[in-house]
Amino acid sequence: MQKTDWNTLTDDDFRSQVRAFFHANYPEHLRYPKTRLRWAQVKDWYLTLSKQGWLAPAWPQQYGGMGLTPSKLVIFMEELELHGIGRAPDMGIVMVGPLLIQHGTEEQKAYYLPKILSGEHVWCQGYSEPNAGSDLASLRTEAVLDGDHFIVNGQKTWTSLAQDATHIFMLVRTDKQAKKQEGISFLLAETSTPGLELRPIRNLAGHEEFCETFLRDVRVPKENIVGEMNRGWTIAKALLSFERIGIGGPKQSQYAMARLEELALQLGLTEDQGFMDTYARYKLDVLDHAALYERFVDQVRRGETLGSDVSMLKIMGTENYQKISQLLVETAGSAGGLVGDVDMAGDSFDWLTSYYNARPATIYGGSNEIQRNILSSQVLGLKS
């Protein structure tokens, strides 16, 4: 396939082409999914993007990506959200690929990158542990070098969609005597390796988005380490910074507000002063969040490195979504307590699943308490 330099297009022309492709090719029944899509559901769309050469918009073209500038990348992400395109199992695209491009060996790039693009390898993230979630540097999963292999023992948890993954990237402790942030390495492994066990975790809504991962004497080839041994924390921080802006966008809250507006109109609540006071307050909160998000997006467009203050996005976005989803359930009355799509006032919506999905949002990606501590110490310079 001949590579196209998408950056030569004007922003308007690029947006038009992306929007037209999404409208023409994305399955209508998968728009605005209520839960994370599983690999079987989204595999065909993943391969459609791969065939188009659009699967990895941020990767350099030499590795099979689109090579988009920050400005074009923001447009691409915005159109994904505006069309309601569900998130595919994308850890390979947004985390492993950029990691290997920057820190991997030539052999690692040649082996792993094409298999990510082809869908042959599906990745999951082995970061959090039962006692090392937001305080990730306290992780205890240990990797001991034994000849040509690391022997890995420990446990990971909240491993998103691990049951669909062929591979896992992990933070492991390779020096128990070092300080918390030191002595950590970044390791790649196949989920089919003997001794590696995945157990789905069923949530309140009955979904199994997360897994527990148990590692008992798992042998991982030593060439699967990325970067230098005991220097994995630097890599991990870079990936987490990208995750902050990825989960800090306003679209989720904006969509929930749109549903709230529709419901209020159908139920005649625009004349209810108490409801409208709450509605106006939440609406302004979402507008404030959107304005803040655009400020950080402008930094990305200019190619600037995001600072610790990006944590504000995650706090505002998740807490707004929680408030709005709760008001949706309350406003829907008895229908708000029913699982699944419920017909109400000429509309159909799954009120309760949105509420359930909003509960863990303030925890994953680094709890909001930790995000506030980051802002306090690294932005405001306050002492604990």
Protein backbone atom coordinates (compact mmCIF):
# COMPACT_ATOMS: atom_id res chain seq x y z
CA MET A 1 0.00 0.00 0.00
CA GLN A 2 1.34 3.42 -0.95
CA LYS A 3 1.70 5.60 2.12
CA THR A 4 -0.24 8.86 2.22
CA ASP A 5 1.17 11.87 4.02
CA TRP A 6 -2.01 12.88 5.83
CA ASN A 7 -0.26 15.88 7.34
CA THR A 8 -0.24 17.64 3.94
CA LEU A 9 -4.05 17.94 4.10
CA THR A 10 -5.71 20.91 5.74
CA ASP A 11 -7.28 20.13 9.10
CA ASP A 12 -10.77 20.50 7.60
CA ASP A 13 -10.03 18.14 4.70
CA PHE A 14 -8.46 15.59 7.00
CA ARG A 15 -11.41 15.74 9.39
CA SER A 16 -13.84 15.28 6.50
CA GLN A 17 -12.03 12.20 5.20
CA VAL A 18 -11.80 10.60 8.64
CA ARG A 19 -15.46 11.32 9.40
CA ALA A 20 -16.60 9.91 6.04
CA PHE A 21 -14.59 6.72 6.55
CA PHE A 22 -15.99 6.17 10.04
CA HIS A 23 -19.57 6.73 8.85
CA ALA A 24 -19.10 4.34 5.93
CA ASN A 25 -17.27 1.53 7.72
CA TYR A 26 -17.94 1.43 11.46
CA PRO A 27 -20.74 -1.01 12.44
CA GLU A 28 -23.83 0.94 13.48
CA HIS A 29 -24.73 -1.51 16.26
CA LEU A 30 -21.38 -0.89 17.96
CA ARG A 31 -21.78 2.88 18.27
CA TYR A 32 -21.71 4.27 21.83
CA PRO A 33 -21.28 0.87 23.52
CA LYS A 34 -22.24 0.75 27.19
CA THR A 35 -19.33 -1.53 28.08
CA ARG A 36 -15.82 -2.22 26.77
CA LEU A 37 -15.98 -4.22 23.55
CA ARG A 38 -14.52 -7.70 23.53
CA TRP A 39 -12.07 -8.84 20.85
CA ALA A 40 -14.64 -11.06 19.10
CA GLN A 41 -16.99 -8.07 18.76
CA VAL A 42 -14.48 -5.60 17.43
CA LYS A 43 -11.96 -7.76 15.58
CA ASP A 44 -13.44 -7.03 12.13
CA TRP A 45 -13.31 -3.27 12.75
CA TYR A 46 -9.74 -3.57 14.05
CA LEU A 47 -8.73 -5.34 10.83
CA THR A 48 -10.64 -2.78 8.74
CA LEU A 49 -8.57 0.00 10.30
CA SER A 50 -5.42 -2.07 9.81
CA LYS A 51 -6.15 -2.60 6.10
CA GLN A 52 -6.77 1.15 5.73
CA GLY A 53 -3.46 1.88 7.47
CA TRP A 54 -5.29 3.80 10.20
CA LEU A 55 -4.85 1.47 13.14
CA ALA A 56 -1.88 3.31 14.64
CA PRO A 57 -2.39 7.03 13.96
CA ALA A 58 0.44 8.13 16.29
CA TRP A 59 3.09 5.64 15.09
CA PRO A 60 5.68 6.82 12.56
CA GLN A 61 4.95 5.70 9.02
CA GLN A 62 8.13 3.61 8.88
CA TYR A 63 6.56 1.28 11.45
CA GLY A 64 3.16 1.08 9.77
CA GLY A 65 1.48 4.04 11.43
CA MET A 66 -0.13 7.19 10.03
CA GLY A 67 2.63 9.44 11.37
CA LEU A 68 0.15 12.15 12.31
CA THR A 69 1.26 15.46 13.76
CA PRO A 70 -0.18 16.26 17.21
CA SER A 71 -2.83 18.49 15.59
CA LYS A 72 -4.00 15.77 13.19
CA LEU A 73 -3.89 13.16 15.97
CA VAL A 74 -6.25 15.25 18.09
CA ILE A 75 -8.68 15.50 15.15
CA PHE A 76 -8.55 11.72 14.66
CA MET A 77 -9.30 11.10 18.36
CA GLU A 78 -12.10 13.65 18.37
CA GLU A 79 -13.79 11.99 15.41
CA LEU A 80 -13.54 8.59 17.09
CA GLU A 81 -15.40 9.97 20.09
CA LEU A 82 -17.94 11.98 18.10
CA HIS A 83 -18.95 8.92 16.09
CA GLY A 84 -19.25 6.81 19.24
CA ILE A 85 -16.59 4.32 18.19
CA GLY A 86 -16.01 1.77 20.93
CA ARG A 87 -12.55 1.29 22.27
CA ALA A 88 -10.94 -1.86 20.92
CA PRO A 89 -8.39 -3.89 22.93
CA ASP A 90 -5.77 -1.29 22.07
CA MET A 91 -2.96 -1.69 24.60
CA GLY A 92 -0.69 -2.85 21.81
CA ILE A 93 -1.40 0.27 19.78
CA VAL A 94 -1.34 2.99 22.44
CA MET A 95 1.20 1.55 24.89
CA VAL A 96 3.34 -1.35 23.68
CA GLY A 97 3.97 0.03 20.18
CA PRO A 98 5.12 3.53 21.23
CA LEU A 99 7.15 1.95 24.04
CA LEU A 100 9.02 -0.36 21.65
CA ILE A 101 9.51 2.36 19.06
CA GLN A 102 11.21 4.52 21.68
CA HIS A 103 12.93 1.98 23.93
CA GLY A 104 12.88 -1.41 22.19
CA THR A 105 15.66 -3.17 20.34
CA GLU A 106 15.55 -3.52 16.56
CA GLU A 107 14.73 -7.20 17.00
CA GLN A 108 11.81 -6.38 19.30
CA LYS A 109 10.43 -3.82 16.87
CA ALA A 110 10.71 -6.17 13.90
CA TYR A 111 8.99 -9.00 15.75
CA TYR A 112 6.22 -7.32 17.75
CA LEU A 113 5.09 -4.26 15.78
CA PRO A 114 3.82 -6.06 12.63
CA LYS A 115 1.94 -8.59 14.77
CA ILE A 116 0.18 -5.78 16.67
CA LEU A 117 -0.95 -4.23 13.40
CA SER A 118 -2.16 -7.57 12.01
CA GLY A 119 -4.15 -8.41 15.14
CA GLU A 120 -2.08 -11.56 15.69
CA HIS A 121 -0.97 -10.17 19.05
CA VAL A 122 -3.51 -8.67 21.46
CA TRP A 123 -2.01 -7.08 24.56
CA CYS A 124 -3.08 -6.43 28.14
CA GLN A 125 -1.45 -4.40 30.91
CA GLY A 126 0.08 -5.96 34.02
CA TYR A 127 0.54 -2.94 36.28
CA SER A 128 -1.79 -2.92 39.30
CA GLU A 129 -1.48 -5.42 42.12
CA PRO A 130 -3.70 -6.13 45.16
CA ASN A 131 -1.50 -3.87 47.33
CA ALA A 132 -0.02 -1.69 44.60
CA GLY A 133 -2.73 0.08 42.67
CA SER A 134 -2.51 3.84 42.86
CA ASP A 135 0.82 3.42 44.70
CA LEU A 136 2.15 1.44 41.77
CA ALA A 137 5.79 1.74 42.83
CA SER A 138 5.01 -0.60 45.76
CA LEU A 139 4.56 -3.55 43.40
CA ARG A 140 5.91 -6.89 44.61
CA THR A 141 5.71 -9.17 41.56
CA GLU A 142 9.28 -10.42 41.32
CA ALA A 143 11.42 -11.48 38.36
CA VAL A 144 14.65 -13.33 39.09
CA LEU A 145 17.17 -13.90 36.31
CA ASP A 146 17.95 -17.59 35.85
CA GLY A 147 20.25 -18.16 32.89
CA ASP A 148 18.42 -17.13 29.72
CA HIS A 149 15.08 -16.57 31.46
CA PHE A 150 13.44 -14.51 34.15
CA ILE A 151 11.40 -16.52 36.67
CA VAL A 152 8.34 -14.41 37.52
CA ASN A 153 6.17 -14.83 40.62
CA GLY A 154 3.40 -12.58 41.85
CA GLN A 155 -0.09 -11.33 41.13
CA LYS A 156 -1.61 -8.56 39.02
CA THR A 157 -5.20 -7.37 39.23
CA TRP A 158 -7.70 -5.24 37.29
CA THR A 159 -6.05 -6.55 34.10
CA SER A 160 -8.42 -5.15 31.48
CA LEU A 161 -9.74 -7.73 28.97
CA ALA A 162 -6.86 -10.07 29.75
CA GLN A 163 -9.03 -13.07 28.81
CA ASP A 164 -8.82 -11.89 25.17
CA ALA A 165 -5.10 -11.11 25.20
CA THR A 166 -2.31 -13.19 23.72
CA HIS A 167 0.41 -11.12 25.45
CA ILE A 168 0.91 -9.07 28.60
CA PHE A 169 3.38 -6.31 29.43
CA MET A 170 4.34 -6.15 33.08
CA LEU A 171 6.18 -4.11 35.63
CA VAL A 172 8.25 -6.47 37.78
CA ARG A 173 10.70 -6.01 40.60
CA THR A 174 14.18 -7.10 39.63
CA ASP A 175 16.05 -5.57 42.59
CA LYS A 176 14.38 -6.01 45.98
CA GLN A 177 17.05 -3.97 47.76
CA ALA A 178 16.52 -0.79 45.75
CA LYS A 179 14.16 2.09 46.57
CA LYS A 180 10.53 1.75 45.47
CA GLN A 181 10.85 3.56 42.15
CA GLU A 182 14.14 1.84 41.42
CA GLY A 183 14.71 -1.83 40.83
CA ILE A 184 11.66 -2.13 38.55
CA SER A 185 11.87 -3.56 35.02
CA PHE A 186 9.51 -3.73 32.06
CA LEU A 187 8.85 -7.25 30.78
CA LEU A 188 6.85 -8.78 27.89
CA ALA A 189 5.28 -12.24 28.09
CA GLU A 190 2.81 -14.53 26.35
CA THR A 191 -0.38 -15.16 28.33
CA SER A 192 -0.21 -18.84 27.29
CA THR A 193 3.08 -19.31 29.18
CA PRO A 194 2.85 -22.16 31.73
CA GLY A 195 2.26 -20.83 35.23
CA LEU A 196 0.34 -17.75 34.07
CA GLU A 197 -3.35 -17.94 35.04
CA LEU A 198 -6.13 -15.46 34.24
CA ARG A 199 -9.36 -15.29 36.26
CA PRO A 200 -12.15 -12.94 35.13
CA ILE A 201 -13.67 -10.60 37.74
CA ARG A 202 -17.45 -10.16 37.44
CA ASN A 203 -18.66 -6.67 38.38
CA LEU A 204 -22.00 -5.46 39.75
CA ALA A 205 -23.42 -5.09 36.25
CA GLY A 206 -22.55 -8.71 35.45
CA HIS A 207 -19.71 -7.85 33.07
CA GLU A 208 -16.20 -9.33 33.08
CA GLU A 209 -14.06 -6.45 31.86
CA PHE A 210 -11.21 -7.10 34.31
CA CYS A 211 -9.18 -10.12 35.36
CA GLU A 212 -6.85 -11.26 38.09
CA THR A 213 -3.50 -12.48 36.79
CA PHE A 214 -1.51 -15.04 38.76
CA LEU A 215 2.13 -15.79 37.96
CA ARG A 216 3.75 -18.89 39.42
CA ASP A 217 7.29 -19.64 38.24
CA VAL A 218 6.54 -18.16 34.83
CA ARG A 219 9.60 -18.37 32.59
CA VAL A 220 10.09 -15.32 30.37
CA PRO A 221 13.05 -15.08 27.94
CA LYS A 222 15.50 -12.42 29.10
CA GLU A 223 15.40 -10.77 25.65
CA ASN A 224 11.79 -9.81 26.47
CA ILE A 225 12.92 -7.04 28.79
CA VAL A 226 12.36 -3.56 27.35
CA GLY A 227 14.99 -0.96 28.10
CA GLU A 228 17.58 -1.42 30.80
CA MET A 229 17.08 -3.68 33.78
CA ASN A 230 15.91 -1.77 36.88
CA ARG A 231 14.97 1.26 34.74
CA GLY A 232 11.35 0.35 33.98
CA TRP A 233 9.79 3.04 36.17
CA THR A 234 10.76 5.80 33.74
CA ILE A 235 9.00 3.95 30.93
CA ALA A 236 5.94 3.33 33.09
CA LYS A 237 5.59 7.02 33.95
CA ALA A 238 5.66 8.01 30.28
CA LEU A 239 2.85 5.58 29.48
CA LEU A 240 0.75 6.73 32.44
CA SER A 241 1.04 10.36 31.33
CA PHE A 242 -0.48 9.42 27.97
CA GLU A 243 -3.24 7.50 29.78
CA ARG A 244 -4.20 10.57 31.82
CA ILE A 245 -5.25 12.63 28.80
CA GLY A 246 -6.75 9.56 27.15
CA ILE A 247 -9.22 8.97 30.00
CA GLY A 248 -9.59 12.67 30.80
CA GLY A 249 -11.67 13.74 27.81
CA PRO A 250 -15.12 15.32 28.27
CA LYS A 251 -17.04 13.24 25.71
CA GLN A 252 -18.35 10.68 28.22
CA SER A 253 -19.86 13.39 30.41
CA GLN A 254 -21.12 15.31 27.39
CA TYR A 255 -22.94 12.24 26.11
CA ALA A 256 -24.48 11.60 29.54
CA MET A 257 -25.59 15.25 29.72
CA ALA A 258 -27.24 14.91 26.31
CA ARG A 259 -29.22 11.90 27.56
CA LEU A 260 -30.17 13.84 30.68
CA GLU A 261 -31.45 16.71 28.56
CA GLU A 262 -33.55 14.33 26.44
CA LEU A 263 -35.02 12.69 29.52
CA ALA A 264 -35.80 16.03 31.18
CA LEU A 265 -37.65 17.24 28.09
CA GLN A 266 -39.64 14.01 27.83
CA LEU A 267 -40.66 14.18 31.49
CA GLY A 268 -41.40 17.91 31.49
CA LEU A 269 -38.73 18.64 34.12
CA THR A 270 -37.64 21.92 32.56
CA GLU A 271 -40.28 23.60 34.75
CA ASP A 272 -38.91 21.97 37.90
CA GLN A 273 -36.70 24.62 39.51
CA GLY A 274 -34.89 22.17 41.79
CA PHE A 275 -33.98 19.89 38.89
CA MET A 276 -32.94 22.78 36.66
CA ASP A 277 -30.64 24.22 39.35
CA THR A 278 -28.79 20.90 39.58
CA TYR A 279 -28.81 20.47 35.82
CA ALA A 280 -27.32 23.95 35.26
CA ARG A 281 -24.58 23.31 37.82
CA TYR A 282 -23.59 20.04 36.19
CA LYS A 283 -23.76 21.56 32.72
CA LEU A 284 -21.34 24.31 33.76
CA ASP A 285 -19.01 21.72 35.29
CA VAL A 286 -18.89 19.85 31.98
CA LEU A 287 -18.24 23.07 30.05
CA ASP A 288 -15.39 23.94 32.46
CA HIS A 289 -13.91 20.47 31.95
CA ALA A 290 -14.16 20.76 28.17
CA ALA A 291 -12.35 24.12 28.27
CA LEU A 292 -9.57 22.66 30.43
CA TYR A 293 -9.28 19.66 28.12
CA GLU A 294 -8.83 21.96 25.12
CA ARG A 295 -5.99 23.70 26.94
CA PHE A 296 -4.09 20.43 27.27
CA VAL A 297 -5.00 19.44 23.73
CA ASP A 298 -3.44 22.69 22.52
CA GLN A 299 -0.23 21.67 24.29
CA VAL A 300 -0.30 18.34 22.44
CA ARG A 301 -0.92 20.16 19.15
CA ARG A 302 2.17 22.25 19.78
CA GLY A 303 4.19 19.11 20.50
CA GLU A 304 4.76 20.05 24.15
CA THR A 305 5.25 17.51 26.93
CA LEU A 306 2.33 17.31 29.33
CA GLY A 307 3.09 18.10 32.96
CA SER A 308 1.70 16.77 36.21
CA ASP A 309 -1.21 19.21 36.01
CA VAL A 310 -2.83 16.90 33.43
CA SER A 311 -4.12 15.01 36.49
CA MET A 312 -6.83 17.67 36.73
CA LEU A 313 -8.51 16.20 33.65
CA LYS A 314 -8.93 12.77 35.17
CA ILE A 315 -10.37 14.20 38.38
CA MET A 316 -12.87 16.50 36.70
CA GLY A 317 -13.97 14.06 34.02
CA THR A 318 -14.61 11.06 36.24
CA GLU A 319 -16.30 13.01 39.04
CA ASN A 320 -18.55 14.84 36.58
CA TYR A 321 -19.55 11.53 35.02
CA GLN A 322 -20.38 10.04 38.41
CA LYS A 323 -22.63 12.96 39.34
CA ILE A 324 -24.46 12.98 36.01
CA SER A 325 -24.96 9.20 35.92
CA GLN A 326 -26.44 9.30 39.42
CA LEU A 327 -28.82 12.10 38.44
CA LEU A 328 -29.83 10.09 35.37
CA VAL A 329 -30.80 7.11 37.55
CA GLU A 330 -32.68 9.34 40.00
CA THR A 331 -34.50 11.19 37.21
CA ALA A 332 -35.53 7.94 35.52
CA GLY A 333 -37.32 6.87 38.70
CA SER A 334 -38.20 3.17 38.89
CA ALA A 335 -36.79 2.64 35.36
CA GLY A 336 -33.42 3.74 36.68
CA GLY A 337 -33.17 0.65 38.85
CA LEU A 338 -33.64 -1.87 36.05
CA VAL A 339 -30.78 -3.64 34.31
CA GLY A 340 -30.64 -3.45 30.52
CA ASP A 341 -32.36 -1.19 28.00
CA VAL A 342 -35.61 0.24 29.34
CA ASP A 343 -38.26 1.99 27.24
CA MET A 344 -39.29 5.25 28.80
CA ALA A 345 -41.14 8.24 27.36
CA GLY A 346 -40.50 7.06 23.81
CA ASP A 347 -36.80 6.41 24.35
CA SER A 348 -34.72 3.40 25.30
CA PHE A 349 -31.63 3.57 27.48
CA ASP A 350 -29.66 1.47 29.94
CA TRP A 351 -29.62 3.88 32.86
CA LEU A 352 -28.18 1.53 35.46
CA THR A 353 -25.17 0.32 33.46
CA SER A 354 -23.99 3.92 33.00
CA TYR A 355 -24.25 4.37 36.77
CA TYR A 356 -22.28 1.18 37.42
CA ASN A 357 -19.59 2.10 34.90
CA ALA A 358 -19.11 5.49 36.53
CA ARG A 359 -18.38 4.05 40.00
CA PRO A 360 -14.85 2.70 39.38
CA ALA A 361 -13.91 5.62 37.11
CA THR A 362 -12.46 7.60 40.02
CA ILE A 363 -10.25 4.63 40.91
CA TYR A 364 -8.78 3.25 37.69
CA GLY A 365 -5.92 5.03 35.98
CA GLY A 366 -4.69 6.18 39.40
CA SER A 367 -7.30 7.02 42.04
CA ASN A 368 -8.45 10.63 42.29
CA GLU A 369 -6.97 10.85 45.78
CA ILE A 370 -3.57 10.07 44.29
CA GLN A 371 -4.17 12.56 41.47
CA ARG A 372 -4.87 15.26 44.07
CA ASN A 373 -1.67 14.35 45.89
CA ILE A 374 0.24 14.73 42.61
CA LEU A 375 -1.27 18.17 42.05
CA SER A 376 -0.55 19.14 45.63
CA SER A 377 3.12 18.13 45.65
CA GLN A 378 4.24 18.50 42.03
CA VAL A 379 2.15 21.46 40.86
CA LEU A 380 1.42 23.51 43.98
CA GLY A 381 4.63 22.57 45.77
CA LEU A 382 2.85 21.74 49.03
CA LYS A 383 4.46 19.43 51.56
CA SER A 384 2.60 16.37 52.85
